[in-house]
Every structure is written in C-alpha cells, then in structure tokens.
Protein backbone atom coordinates (compact mmCIF):
# COMPACT_ATOMS: atom_id res chain seq x y z
CA MET A 1 8.96 23.15 -18.22
CA ALA A 2 8.37 20.92 -14.88
CA SER A 3 5.76 21.91 -12.77
CA GLU A 4 6.28 19.91 -9.64
CA LYS A 5 6.60 21.62 -6.36
CA VAL A 6 9.71 21.23 -4.21
CA LEU A 7 9.99 22.40 -0.79
CA ILE A 8 13.20 23.26 0.84
CA VAL A 9 13.55 23.05 4.86
CA ASP A 10 16.96 24.21 6.01
CA ASP A 11 18.19 26.46 8.78
CA GLU A 12 20.92 28.03 6.82
CA ARG A 13 19.91 31.00 4.54
CA LEU A 14 22.81 30.57 2.19
CA VAL A 15 22.01 26.84 1.44
CA ARG A 16 18.16 27.74 1.15
CA TRP A 17 19.30 30.07 -1.32
CA SER A 18 21.24 28.33 -3.63
CA LEU A 19 19.01 25.33 -3.51
CA ARG A 20 16.26 27.42 -4.93
CA GLN A 21 18.33 29.16 -7.49
CA LYS A 22 19.19 25.47 -8.86
CA CYS A 23 15.49 24.27 -8.48
CA GLU A 24 14.35 27.00 -10.23
CA GLU A 25 17.01 26.50 -12.71
CA TRP A 26 15.78 23.04 -13.50
CA GLY A 27 12.21 24.36 -13.70
CA TYR A 28 10.30 23.40 -10.37
CA GLN A 29 8.23 25.40 -8.19
CA VAL A 30 9.94 26.26 -4.96
CA SER A 31 9.04 27.10 -1.37
CA GLU A 32 11.16 27.38 1.66
CA ALA A 33 11.22 27.16 5.79
CA GLU A 34 13.85 27.74 7.89
CA SER A 35 12.64 25.40 10.62
CA GLY A 36 11.07 22.19 11.25
CA ALA A 37 7.93 23.71 12.51
CA ASP A 38 7.58 26.25 9.28
CA GLY A 39 8.37 23.18 6.97
CA LEU A 40 5.49 20.96 8.39
CA ARG A 41 3.08 23.66 8.14
CA LEU A 42 4.00 24.37 4.69
CA ALA A 43 3.98 20.92 3.51
CA ARG A 44 0.38 20.42 4.98
CA ASN A 45 -0.55 23.21 3.04
CA GLU A 46 0.88 23.12 -0.28
CA SER A 47 1.45 19.14 -0.69
CA PRO A 48 5.06 19.36 -2.56
CA ASP A 49 6.03 16.83 -4.58
CA LEU A 50 9.44 16.92 -2.97
CA VAL A 51 11.08 17.88 0.16
CA LEU A 52 14.58 18.63 0.56
CA LEU A 53 14.97 18.27 4.17
CA ASP A 54 18.21 19.16 6.30
CA VAL A 55 18.82 16.51 8.74
CA ARG A 56 19.93 19.13 11.77
CA LEU A 57 17.70 21.64 12.25
CA THR A 58 17.52 24.70 14.87
CA ASP A 59 13.95 23.61 16.35
CA MET A 60 13.90 19.69 15.74
CA ASN A 61 15.64 16.73 14.21
CA GLY A 62 15.25 16.38 10.27
CA LEU A 63 14.21 12.62 11.24
CA GLN A 64 11.29 13.82 13.22
CA VAL A 65 10.06 16.09 10.44
CA LEU A 66 10.52 13.12 8.03
CA GLU A 67 8.45 10.90 10.31
CA ARG A 68 5.72 13.48 10.30
CA LEU A 69 5.66 14.31 6.96
CA LYS A 70 5.30 10.27 5.97
CA LEU A 71 2.56 10.00 8.80
CA ASN A 72 0.51 12.97 7.48
CA GLY A 73 0.85 11.97 4.10
CA ASP A 74 2.06 15.61 3.29
CA ALA A 75 5.11 15.10 0.66
CA ARG A 76 5.34 12.65 -1.91
CA ALA A 77 9.09 12.08 -1.54
CA VAL A 78 11.87 13.37 0.40
CA ILE A 79 15.57 13.90 0.27
CA MET A 80 17.58 14.13 3.34
CA ILE A 81 20.71 16.53 3.20
CA THR A 82 23.28 16.98 5.83
CA ALA A 83 26.89 18.06 6.45
CA ASP A 84 27.57 15.16 8.79
CA PRO A 85 26.39 12.00 7.48
CA GLN A 86 25.96 9.41 10.19
CA LEU A 87 25.67 5.84 9.20
CA GLU A 88 22.79 5.38 11.74
CA ASP A 89 20.93 8.71 10.33
CA VAL A 90 21.11 7.53 6.83
CA LYS A 91 19.76 3.82 7.86
CA GLN A 92 16.99 5.70 9.88
CA ALA A 93 16.04 8.11 7.37
CA LEU A 94 15.69 5.03 4.52
CA LYS A 95 13.83 3.00 7.09
CA GLN A 96 11.39 5.96 7.69
CA GLY A 97 10.94 6.27 4.27
CA ALA A 98 13.17 9.04 2.56
CA TYR A 99 14.32 8.67 -0.89
CA ASP A 100 17.83 9.51 -0.87
CA PHE A 101 20.52 10.86 1.23
CA ILE A 102 23.01 13.80 0.07
CA GLY A 103 25.84 15.14 1.76
CA LYS A 104 27.14 18.77 2.04
CA PRO A 105 28.59 20.50 0.39
CA VAL A 106 25.92 19.70 -2.34
CA ASP A 107 27.27 18.54 -5.45
CA TYR A 108 24.29 19.84 -7.55
CA ASP A 109 24.78 17.41 -10.60
CA GLU A 110 24.19 14.43 -8.32
CA LEU A 111 21.29 16.63 -6.35
CA ARG A 112 19.65 16.86 -10.09
CA VAL A 113 19.73 13.26 -10.88
CA ALA A 114 18.88 12.40 -7.49
CA VAL A 115 15.56 14.91 -7.69
CA LYS A 116 14.99 13.57 -10.98
CA ASN A 117 15.00 10.38 -10.32
CA ALA A 118 12.43 11.03 -6.84
CA LEU A 119 9.78 12.75 -8.63
CA GLU A 120 9.58 10.16 -11.50
CA ALA A 121 9.51 7.30 -8.87
CA THR A 122 6.74 8.65 -6.90
CA GLN A 123 4.92 9.82 -10.23
CA LEU A 124 4.97 6.12 -11.20
CA ARG A 125 4.11 4.89 -7.90
CA SER A 126 1.19 7.13 -8.29
CA GLU A 127 0.14 6.10 -11.39
CA ASN A 128 0.34 2.46 -10.07
CA GLU A 129 -1.84 3.29 -7.26
CA THR A 130 -4.30 4.82 -9.50
CA LEU A 131 -4.23 2.02 -11.95
CA LYS A 132 -5.09 -0.25 -9.15
CA LYS A 133 -7.72 1.83 -7.82
CA GLU A 134 -9.43 1.79 -11.68
CA VAL A 135 -9.02 -2.18 -11.71
CA LEU A 136 -10.65 -2.68 -8.34
CA GLN A 137 -13.49 -0.26 -9.28
CA ARG A 138 -14.15 -2.31 -12.60
CA ARG A 139 -14.07 -5.45 -10.72
CA ARG A 140 -16.29 -4.40 -8.28
CA ALA A 141 -18.46 -2.92 -11.20
CA ALA A 142 -19.22 -6.66 -11.72
CA TYR A 143 -21.02 -6.65 -8.48
CA HIS A 144 -23.60 -4.22 -9.82
CA ASP A 145 -24.50 -6.61 -12.67
CA VAL A 146 -26.48 -8.19 -10.11
CA VAL A 147 -29.70 -6.98 -11.38
CA GLY A 148 -33.21 -7.85 -9.56
CA GLU A 149 -36.02 -6.14 -8.17
CA SER A 150 -37.81 -9.51 -7.01
CA GLN A 151 -37.98 -10.39 -3.16
CA LYS A 152 -36.33 -13.55 -4.22
CA MET A 153 -33.25 -11.25 -5.25
CA LEU A 154 -33.42 -8.84 -2.66
CA ASP A 155 -33.38 -11.57 0.02
CA LEU A 156 -30.32 -13.37 -1.83
CA MET A 157 -28.18 -10.02 -1.76
CA SER A 158 -29.16 -9.47 1.90
CA PHE A 159 -27.80 -13.14 2.80
CA VAL A 160 -24.79 -12.48 0.16
CA ASN A 161 -23.60 -9.28 2.03
CA LYS A 162 -23.89 -11.17 5.26
CA VAL A 163 -21.82 -14.03 4.06
CA ALA A 164 -19.09 -11.56 2.26
CA SER A 165 -18.50 -9.71 5.81
CA SER A 166 -18.43 -13.00 7.66
CA GLU A 167 -15.16 -14.91 8.16
CA ALA A 168 -16.36 -18.30 6.19
CA THR A 169 -13.50 -19.75 4.45
CA THR A 170 -15.80 -22.14 2.42
CA ILE A 171 -19.03 -21.09 0.25
CA LEU A 172 -21.08 -23.29 -2.10
CA ILE A 173 -23.01 -21.78 -4.95
CA GLN A 174 -25.57 -23.67 -6.73
CA GLY A 175 -27.74 -23.02 -9.60
CA GLU A 176 -28.65 -23.41 -13.15
CA SER A 177 -26.40 -22.43 -15.90
CA GLY A 178 -26.36 -18.76 -16.86
CA THR A 179 -27.97 -17.83 -13.32
CA GLY A 180 -25.05 -15.66 -12.54
CA LYS A 181 -22.86 -17.70 -9.90
CA ASP A 182 -19.61 -15.86 -11.00
CA LEU A 183 -21.38 -12.47 -10.23
CA ILE A 184 -22.47 -13.55 -6.62
CA SER A 185 -18.67 -15.05 -6.18
CA ARG A 186 -17.32 -11.45 -7.11
CA ALA A 187 -19.80 -9.93 -4.61
CA ILE A 188 -18.82 -11.86 -2.08
CA HIS A 189 -15.31 -11.22 -2.87
CA PHE A 190 -15.39 -7.45 -3.21
CA GLU A 191 -17.75 -6.76 -0.30
CA SER A 192 -15.58 -8.79 2.24
CA ARG A 193 -12.24 -7.83 4.09
CA ARG A 194 -10.35 -9.60 1.18
CA LYS A 195 -11.31 -7.35 -1.57
CA ASP A 196 -7.88 -5.83 -1.59
CA LYS A 197 -6.29 -9.22 -2.19
CA PRO A 198 -6.55 -11.28 -5.33
CA LEU A 199 -9.65 -12.71 -6.92
CA ILE A 200 -8.53 -16.16 -8.82
CA VAL A 201 -10.99 -17.76 -10.96
CA ILE A 202 -10.65 -21.15 -12.46
CA ASN A 203 -12.92 -23.38 -14.47
CA CYS A 204 -12.40 -26.98 -13.17
CA SER A 205 -13.80 -28.51 -16.24
CA ALA A 206 -11.55 -26.54 -18.65
CA ILE A 207 -8.25 -27.93 -17.54
CA PRO A 208 -6.88 -31.67 -18.06
CA GLU A 209 -7.35 -33.61 -14.97
CA THR A 210 -3.54 -34.64 -15.44
CA LEU A 211 -2.75 -30.54 -15.12
CA MET A 212 -5.09 -29.57 -12.64
CA GLU A 213 -3.36 -30.66 -9.47
CA ALA A 214 -0.15 -28.75 -10.35
CA GLU A 215 -2.30 -25.75 -11.32
CA LEU A 216 -4.05 -25.72 -7.95
CA PHE A 217 -1.07 -26.76 -5.80
CA GLY A 218 1.95 -25.54 -7.79
CA HIS A 219 5.08 -27.64 -8.59
CA GLU A 220 8.71 -27.88 -7.54
CA LYS A 221 11.57 -27.74 -10.38
CA GLY A 222 12.02 -31.14 -11.86
CA ALA A 223 8.72 -32.51 -10.33
CA PHE A 224 7.92 -33.55 -13.79
CA THR A 225 9.08 -33.31 -17.33
CA ASP A 226 8.00 -29.81 -18.46
CA ALA A 227 8.71 -28.53 -14.57
CA LYS A 228 11.77 -26.46 -15.85
CA ALA A 229 11.03 -24.28 -12.76
CA MET A 230 9.14 -23.75 -9.55
CA LYS A 231 5.60 -22.68 -10.00
CA LYS A 232 3.14 -21.20 -7.62
CA GLY A 233 -0.17 -22.80 -7.64
CA LEU A 234 -3.60 -20.76 -7.61
CA PHE A 235 -3.86 -21.28 -4.01
CA GLU A 236 -0.77 -19.52 -3.28
CA GLN A 237 -1.23 -16.78 -5.85
CA ALA A 238 -4.80 -16.16 -4.03
CA ASP A 239 -3.09 -16.21 -0.64
CA GLY A 240 -5.16 -13.62 1.57
CA GLY A 241 -7.97 -13.70 -0.99
CA THR A 242 -10.53 -15.75 -3.05
CA LEU A 243 -10.20 -18.55 -5.01
CA PHE A 244 -13.27 -19.41 -6.95
CA LEU A 245 -13.80 -22.84 -8.29
CA ASP A 246 -16.46 -22.94 -11.00
CA GLU A 247 -17.91 -26.28 -12.32
CA ILE A 248 -16.32 -27.90 -8.71
CA GLY A 249 -18.18 -31.12 -9.78
CA GLU A 250 -15.97 -32.12 -12.47
CA LEU A 251 -12.83 -32.43 -10.20
CA SER A 252 -11.84 -36.10 -10.16
CA PRO A 253 -12.20 -38.20 -6.97
CA LEU A 254 -8.31 -37.94 -6.28
CA LEU A 255 -8.33 -34.01 -6.54
CA GLN A 256 -11.15 -34.03 -4.24
CA ALA A 257 -9.45 -35.87 -1.48
CA LYS A 258 -6.84 -33.25 -1.86
CA LEU A 259 -8.93 -30.48 -1.86
CA LEU A 260 -10.60 -31.40 1.13
CA ARG A 261 -7.10 -31.91 3.10
CA VAL A 262 -6.37 -28.10 1.97
CA LEU A 263 -9.64 -27.10 3.12
CA GLU A 264 -9.56 -28.79 6.48
CA GLU A 265 -5.98 -28.04 7.00
CA GLN A 266 -5.47 -24.79 5.11
CA VAL A 267 -2.12 -26.25 3.96
CA ILE A 268 -0.81 -27.07 0.41
CA ARG A 269 1.97 -28.96 -0.68
CA ARG A 270 3.35 -28.23 -4.24
CA VAL A 271 3.60 -31.21 -6.73
CA GLY A 272 7.36 -32.85 -6.05
CA GLY A 273 7.43 -30.76 -2.68
CA VAL A 274 8.42 -32.33 0.68
CA LYS A 275 6.99 -29.65 2.86
CA ASP A 276 3.59 -27.89 3.57
CA GLN A 277 2.80 -24.30 3.25
CA GLU A 278 0.16 -22.45 5.05
CA VAL A 279 -2.48 -20.63 3.14
CA ASP A 280 -5.06 -18.10 4.05
CA VAL A 281 -7.82 -18.63 0.81
CA ARG A 282 -11.39 -18.35 1.40
CA VAL A 283 -12.64 -20.78 -1.38
CA ILE A 284 -15.98 -20.17 -3.28
CA ALA A 285 -17.12 -23.42 -5.13
CA ALA A 286 -19.75 -23.38 -7.91
CA SER A 287 -21.85 -26.19 -9.75
CA ASN A 288 -24.61 -26.23 -11.87
CA ARG A 289 -25.12 -29.78 -11.02
CA ASP A 290 -26.98 -31.32 -8.44
CA LEU A 291 -24.42 -32.12 -6.06
CA GLU A 292 -26.32 -33.83 -3.77
CA LYS A 293 -27.31 -36.52 -6.43
CA ALA A 294 -23.82 -36.49 -7.45
CA VAL A 295 -23.04 -37.37 -3.66
CA ARG A 296 -25.86 -40.22 -3.88
CA ASP A 297 -24.45 -41.77 -7.37
CA GLY A 298 -20.95 -41.99 -5.89
CA GLN A 299 -19.45 -39.12 -8.04
CA PHE A 300 -18.88 -36.51 -5.49
CA ARG A 301 -17.27 -36.94 -2.10
CA GLN A 302 -19.62 -36.71 0.63
CA ASP A 303 -17.13 -35.31 3.08
CA LEU A 304 -16.24 -32.64 0.56
CA TYR A 305 -19.80 -31.59 -0.11
CA TYR A 306 -20.54 -31.09 3.43
CA ARG A 307 -17.12 -28.96 3.94
CA LEU A 308 -18.19 -26.69 1.11
CA ALA A 309 -21.86 -26.62 1.79
CA ILE A 310 -21.22 -24.94 5.49
CA ILE A 311 -22.49 -22.01 3.77
CA SER A 312 -24.64 -22.62 0.69
CA ILE A 313 -26.16 -20.24 -1.86
CA PHE A 314 -28.83 -21.24 -4.33
CA LEU A 315 -29.62 -19.00 -7.17
CA PRO A 316 -33.08 -19.11 -8.71
CA PRO A 317 -33.60 -19.54 -12.26
CA LEU A 318 -34.89 -16.64 -14.13
CA ARG A 319 -38.47 -18.17 -14.91
CA ASP A 320 -38.96 -17.96 -11.13
CA ARG A 321 -38.50 -14.71 -10.93
CA ARG A 322 -39.89 -13.19 -14.21
CA GLU A 323 -40.32 -9.62 -12.13
CA ASP A 324 -36.47 -9.14 -12.71
CA ILE A 325 -36.94 -9.62 -16.74
CA LEU A 326 -37.54 -6.11 -17.47
CA PRO A 327 -35.06 -4.62 -15.16
CA LEU A 328 -32.38 -7.06 -16.57
CA VAL A 329 -33.30 -5.74 -20.32
CA GLY A 330 -33.19 -2.11 -19.29
CA PHE A 331 -29.69 -2.76 -17.46
CA PHE A 332 -28.53 -4.28 -20.85
CA ILE A 333 -29.81 -1.84 -23.27
CA GLU A 334 -27.85 0.70 -21.44
CA ARG A 335 -24.83 -1.53 -21.52
CA TYR A 336 -25.04 -1.87 -24.95
CA ASN A 337 -26.08 1.35 -25.89
CA LYS A 338 -22.68 2.84 -24.54
CA ARG A 339 -20.74 -0.25 -26.20
CA PHE A 340 -22.35 -0.04 -29.73
CA ARG A 341 -22.79 3.57 -29.38
CA LYS A 342 -26.42 3.87 -30.01
CA SER A 343 -29.38 5.33 -28.41
CA VAL A 344 -31.94 2.81 -27.96
CA ARG A 345 -34.73 3.71 -25.16
CA GLY A 346 -36.57 0.62 -24.84
CA ILE A 347 -38.95 -2.21 -26.26
CA THR A 348 -41.99 -2.73 -28.29
CA PRO A 349 -44.90 -3.82 -26.26
CA GLU A 350 -44.91 -6.73 -28.68
CA THR A 351 -40.99 -7.48 -27.71
CA ARG A 352 -42.26 -6.90 -24.10
CA GLU A 353 -44.80 -9.65 -24.18
CA LEU A 354 -42.49 -12.42 -26.12
CA LEU A 355 -39.80 -11.67 -23.19
CA LEU A 356 -42.22 -11.95 -20.54
CA GLN A 357 -43.64 -15.41 -21.89
CA HIS A 358 -40.02 -16.96 -22.81
CA ASP A 359 -38.79 -19.52 -19.99
CA TRP A 360 -35.23 -18.46 -20.42
CA PRO A 361 -33.82 -22.15 -19.74
CA GLY A 362 -30.43 -20.26 -20.34
CA ASN A 363 -31.33 -17.99 -17.59
CA VAL A 364 -29.79 -14.50 -17.15
CA ARG A 365 -26.88 -15.32 -19.77
CA GLU A 366 -29.66 -16.09 -22.52
CA LEU A 367 -31.49 -13.01 -21.99
CA LYS A 368 -28.31 -10.86 -22.19
CA ASN A 369 -27.16 -12.36 -25.44
CA ALA A 370 -30.76 -12.32 -26.80
CA ILE A 371 -30.38 -8.22 -26.02
CA GLU A 372 -26.85 -8.00 -27.43
CA ARG A 373 -28.30 -9.56 -30.92
CA ALA A 374 -31.13 -7.49 -31.08
CA MET A 375 -28.89 -4.38 -30.03
CA ILE A 376 -26.71 -5.19 -33.11
CA LEU A 377 -29.25 -5.83 -35.79
CA GLU A 378 -31.69 -3.01 -34.65
CA ASP A 379 -31.77 0.38 -36.28
CA ASP A 380 -34.77 1.61 -34.34
CA ASP A 381 -34.84 3.17 -31.41
CA LEU A 382 -37.15 0.41 -29.72
CA LEU A 383 -35.98 -3.31 -30.10
CA HIS A 384 -38.62 -5.05 -32.14
CA PRO A 385 -39.31 -8.77 -31.98
CA LEU A 386 -37.81 -9.40 -35.52
CA TYR A 387 -34.25 -9.11 -34.31
CA LEU A 388 -34.83 -11.39 -31.05
CA PRO A 389 -33.64 -14.82 -31.36
CA PHE A 390 -36.09 -17.22 -32.69
CA SER A 391 -36.21 -19.42 -29.78
CA VAL A 392 -37.57 -16.26 -27.71
CA GLY A 393 -40.51 -16.38 -30.17
CA SER A 394 -40.23 -14.54 -33.31
CA PRO A 395 -40.94 -16.68 -36.30
CA LEU A 396 -38.72 -14.52 -38.67
CA SER A 397 -35.76 -13.91 -36.19
CA SER A 398 -34.56 -17.55 -36.90
CA LEU A 399 -33.84 -16.41 -40.70
CA THR A 400 -31.78 -13.99 -39.92
CA ALA A 401 -29.17 -16.50 -38.29
CA PHE A 402 -28.72 -18.81 -41.45
CA GLU A 403 -29.41 -15.74 -43.82
CA ALA A 404 -26.43 -13.69 -42.19
CA GLY A 405 -24.28 -17.07 -42.52
CA SER A 406 -24.08 -17.60 -38.46
CA GLY A 407 -22.44 -20.99 -39.12
CA GLY A 408 -25.30 -22.57 -37.06
CA ASN A 409 -25.84 -20.66 -34.12
CA VAL A 410 -29.55 -21.48 -34.24
CA SER A 411 -30.89 -23.28 -31.12
CA SER A 412 -32.09 -26.91 -32.40
CA GLY A 413 -35.86 -27.47 -32.39
CA ALA A 414 -36.64 -23.77 -32.42
CA SER A 415 -40.03 -22.49 -33.89
CA MET A 416 -40.42 -21.01 -37.17
CA ALA A 417 -43.00 -19.66 -39.52
CA GLY A 418 -45.96 -22.25 -40.02
CA GLY A 419 -44.82 -24.05 -36.76
CA ALA A 420 -41.71 -25.88 -38.10
CA THR A 421 -38.81 -26.25 -36.53
CA ALA A 422 -35.14 -25.54 -37.87
CA GLU A 423 -31.41 -26.55 -36.73
CA MET A 424 -28.26 -25.67 -39.03
CA ILE A 425 -26.32 -28.77 -40.69
CA THR A 426 -23.61 -28.58 -42.99
CA VAL A 427 -23.94 -29.71 -46.42
CA ASN A 428 -20.88 -29.69 -48.90
CA GLY A 429 -19.35 -27.25 -46.79
CA LYS A 430 -22.49 -24.81 -46.59
CA ASN A 431 -24.41 -24.19 -43.47
CA LEU A 432 -28.12 -24.83 -44.38
CA PRO A 433 -31.31 -24.99 -42.57
CA ARG A 434 -32.78 -28.40 -41.61
CA LEU A 435 -36.62 -28.30 -41.29
CA SER A 436 -38.58 -30.64 -39.22
CA ILE A 437 -42.40 -30.76 -40.20
CA PRO A 438 -44.71 -31.10 -36.87
CA GLU A 439 -47.33 -33.35 -36.67
CA GLY A 440 -49.89 -30.99 -37.59
CA GLY A 441 -48.51 -29.94 -40.76
CA THR A 442 -46.99 -26.49 -42.32
CA SER A 443 -47.07 -24.89 -45.23
CA LEU A 444 -43.91 -24.48 -47.32
CA GLU A 445 -45.12 -21.52 -49.20
CA GLU A 446 -45.78 -19.76 -45.53
CA ILE A 447 -41.96 -20.57 -44.84
CA GLU A 448 -40.97 -19.30 -48.25
CA ARG A 449 -42.72 -16.14 -47.69
CA ALA A 450 -41.25 -15.28 -44.26
CA MET A 451 -37.68 -16.14 -45.89
CA VAL A 452 -38.34 -13.65 -48.67
CA GLU A 453 -39.56 -11.11 -46.53
CA MET A 454 -36.59 -11.59 -44.20
CA ALA A 455 -34.25 -11.22 -46.85
CA MET A 456 -35.94 -8.00 -47.94
CA HIS A 457 -35.91 -6.42 -44.38
CA GLN A 458 -31.93 -7.50 -44.14
CA ALA A 459 -31.21 -6.03 -47.51
CA ASN A 460 -33.29 -2.74 -46.61
CA ARG A 461 -35.46 -3.42 -49.34
CA ASN A 462 -32.72 -3.74 -52.02
CA GLN A 463 -33.77 -6.23 -54.22
CA THR A 464 -30.27 -7.02 -55.66
CA GLN A 465 -28.94 -7.57 -52.14
CA ALA A 466 -31.72 -9.82 -50.93
CA ALA A 467 -31.67 -12.01 -54.29
CA LYS A 468 -27.87 -12.65 -53.12
CA LEU A 469 -29.22 -13.42 -49.75
CA LEU A 470 -31.30 -15.91 -51.08
CA ASP A 471 -29.03 -17.11 -53.57
CA ILE A 472 -31.57 -16.50 -56.54
CA SER A 473 -31.93 -14.00 -59.77
CA ARG A 474 -33.06 -10.71 -59.38
CA ASP A 475 -36.16 -11.79 -61.67
CA ALA A 476 -36.83 -14.95 -59.62
CA LEU A 477 -37.15 -12.63 -56.35
CA ARG A 478 -39.15 -10.30 -58.14
CA TYR A 479 -41.60 -12.70 -58.86
CA LYS A 480 -41.86 -13.97 -55.42
CA LEU A 481 -42.30 -10.50 -54.09
CA LYS A 482 -45.59 -10.23 -56.44
CA LYS A 483 -46.56 -13.71 -55.44
CA PHE A 484 -46.73 -13.09 -52.08
CA GLY A 485 -47.61 -9.27 -52.16
CA LEU A 486 -44.70 -8.07 -50.66
CA ILE A 487 -43.56 -5.43 -53.51
CA HIS A 488 -44.34 -1.75 -52.96
CA THR A 489 -46.20 -0.26 -55.49
CA ASP A 490 -43.35 2.52 -56.05
CA GLU A 491 -40.49 -0.21 -56.36
CA GLU A 492 -43.24 -2.03 -58.96
CA GLU A 493 -43.03 1.03 -61.07
CA ALA A 494 -39.42 2.05 -60.68
CA GLY A 495 -38.34 -1.62 -60.71
CA GLN A 496 -35.88 -1.00 -58.06
CA PRO A 497 -36.32 0.17 -54.54
CA SER A 498 -34.32 3.30 -53.36
CA ASN A 499 -32.88 1.80 -50.21
CA GLY A 500 -35.00 3.72 -48.02
C-alpha cells in the first residue's frame, strides 16, 4: 500500500470528492483544499508528495499557487488540472516546474499513470540528491584525515583555509612523498566555493606522454586513429571546479608550454580542434621534486613554475613535526578498528618509543601503512612492537614478512636481529631473505633463534604449523626449541602445544 500524501486543491466540491475517492482507492493519503490560500496553508503544514492543482480558483490563479509552492519548497511534485487548457498556461506551468497538465473532465486512467510517474520521478530525484550529499560528505571527510596538533600543522591549515576561500586559480603544493599533498588539495577544494563542482585528480606520471595532451584537453572525432568520437578533456570535465595535477614535474616540455597557455588565458583547445573554449578551473599542482632545482637544471619551465607558485604550500615531513605522530596513530587505530572490526585501544610503551624514534622517511603514508599492518596481525587490545614493520625498529617483525610469503614487501637494508640487514630476492621462483652482515659481525645463532621464535608466535605455538613455516620437520623444530630454551615445560611434557 502506497503511503505518499496527495493534496487536492480545487474550488469544485464534486471534483475534489471524485479525485479523493480515486486517490484513496489507489492507496494514497489525501487532504483537500477549496481555495489557493487553504492549499498553500495545508502544503506548508503537511509537505505533500504531490499536489493536484486546479488552474482556475476563486481566490487566486493556480499558476500563482504553483509559483509559491515551488518557491517555498512545500510540494515535491505538482500536476495542474483545468477544464479550459490554454497553451500559454501549459507552457507557463511547465516552466515553473509543474510535472504534468491534465484536462477536465478527468480521464482517471490517464491521471493514475501521471500521479504514479510524478511520484516515482520525485522519489528518484530525492534519492539522487541524498546520494550526492552522501558522496560530498564522504569526499569532504578526506579533509578530516589531515591530522595534526603541532604548531606547524595548525599554521598550515589556517593558511590552507585562507587559500581555499580566495579566488586564486593556481596553487602549488610541495613536500616529500607521503606528506599528504592529495589531502591538502581536497581540503582546499571542499572548503572553497567550488565544493559542489567536480574535483578531478590526475597523476601526471601515470599516463604516457603521447596520451597526456588528449587526456587533459580532450580531442575531436577523427583527431587521430583511435579517436572514434569527440571526448572532453579533464579541464572541461572540471569546469567550475578543481583540477589536481599530481606529480606536475613529470610533464613534458611541450605539455608544460600548453598548460601555461591554459593557465594564462583560461582557454583550452581540443586535440584536432580549431577553436578555443573558455574554462573556469582552479588548478592545484603538486610535486615531491624540488621544482626550483628542476628549473635551474632546465627540466621545468621557469615561467610555468612562477605561474603555479603564485600561492605555494610546503608540507613539512613527519620527522619535523614529531608531536603529530601519536595523534596520527590514534586516528589510524580508530579507522582500522572500524574497518577490521577490532577493538584495539592503544599501543604499548615500547611501541610508543619505537614510533617516536623512527625518522619516517615515507612520512604519514609510511606511518599509516605501519599501523594498518600491525592492526591486521595484532590479536591483543594493544599494538606491540612485534608486528611493526622491521624498518620501524622491531628486530623480529621483519621475519613476519617473509615467513608469511609477502613476496618481497620488506624494505631493503632494514635492521634484523643481531644487526644484520635483509632484503627479498627470488631464487628458483621462491622469495627468500638475503642477509648482509655488517662490519661488526653478527651471530647466525641469534638470527636462527629469532626466526624460530617468530615462527612459533605466528603459528600460535603450534609446532606442526611452525615447522611448516620454516620448512623443517617437527622433530627438527623441537630440537631447536630445546636448544634455544624456547619450549615451555607443559609443551615438552605433552609433546604438542594446545594452541593456547
């Protein structure tokens, strides 16, 4: 049974009665008004889904009622009804937002279809608007990923907000890889007047030079062999909004020159086109390269650099704002608790020290990945050093990567137990650790002990599983456990752990 509300506004009592009978028969909730003033009052109080509105009313013209209904947003859809349809009335009603126009005497089969279609159309429009709001909210949520309590970050975000509300059309963001240049670009977009328009993102290093021009500026049909139809470029798609050009330093000299023209004149020309088109686009460029040095080395156009750098934003590396490390850790733990359905409540003191001492060459991205990895592997309600990537400081955690068959995701040259360094190599199709012994030497026995201990921990102290991880027999594993004093008394007596 439908539950939509229909308001009937007509000065003829018999017409109202017959329309009410039919609408209730079709399952709608019905209210009625005999004048335009009563109709407006009921619409304001009840917010009907549909209004059946007579064009000729005793107190005012139905078109005036329609105009006020639309102006106040008191009705989602309006169908006009009249015994004397005039072409000009029909045109005016549709122009003012009426969904349909029905003549008298009413054909109820026609009316039923019109009512059904009007309600479905408004429902779909409402769902689309809700979806757009949700998408916008999710995109704007990226702004809140910019976490920082340090004075550097507070000053930075104050400046970012100022830039966002300005009319600047070119902005340059520079900083090391992983510092969050993409998040700052989103913050600028979603805090600007352009927030309801598109934000288009492209990585300039990810697209071949031969395709980049058509990607940015579009192409006309037949401009080249595969141009089967006209295609709008990213500048056209971003019209009214923001275009984020990541890794701008990777653009070829030819494209740098063409980009400069677009920025200077705010016009683009499609590949194969003969006329210019105006665009209103804010361009945010980003690079982890030192563009000033690239200019000195002749690898980047000086005039383009100066045009982009009218507003420059420099993101500090994480090692220069260490007071933001722990707030970021808390933020990522909360995020991954939701994603992985866990209830980790914090980190151990040892983990805290390791995280604060690490230099984070990969910046916030490296920290995020480290916490994500630890959250996946940790079974406790606190994150322990054991599951941090070994580059962060845990001697044993490096072993987790190749014992789990990670395929070489271990950073080259990171510290292992005994001071050795390890990286992954492929031998006969298998990923294996390659050890590099430091000048001061190391203990093979200590490394072997660490591997056995890690295998037991990863296998939840199940000797059979741990032996499989190390590719040795269970007896050989038990010998090593006794040798290194790693076997528990109850395990030795039982001959097999209880998985507890």
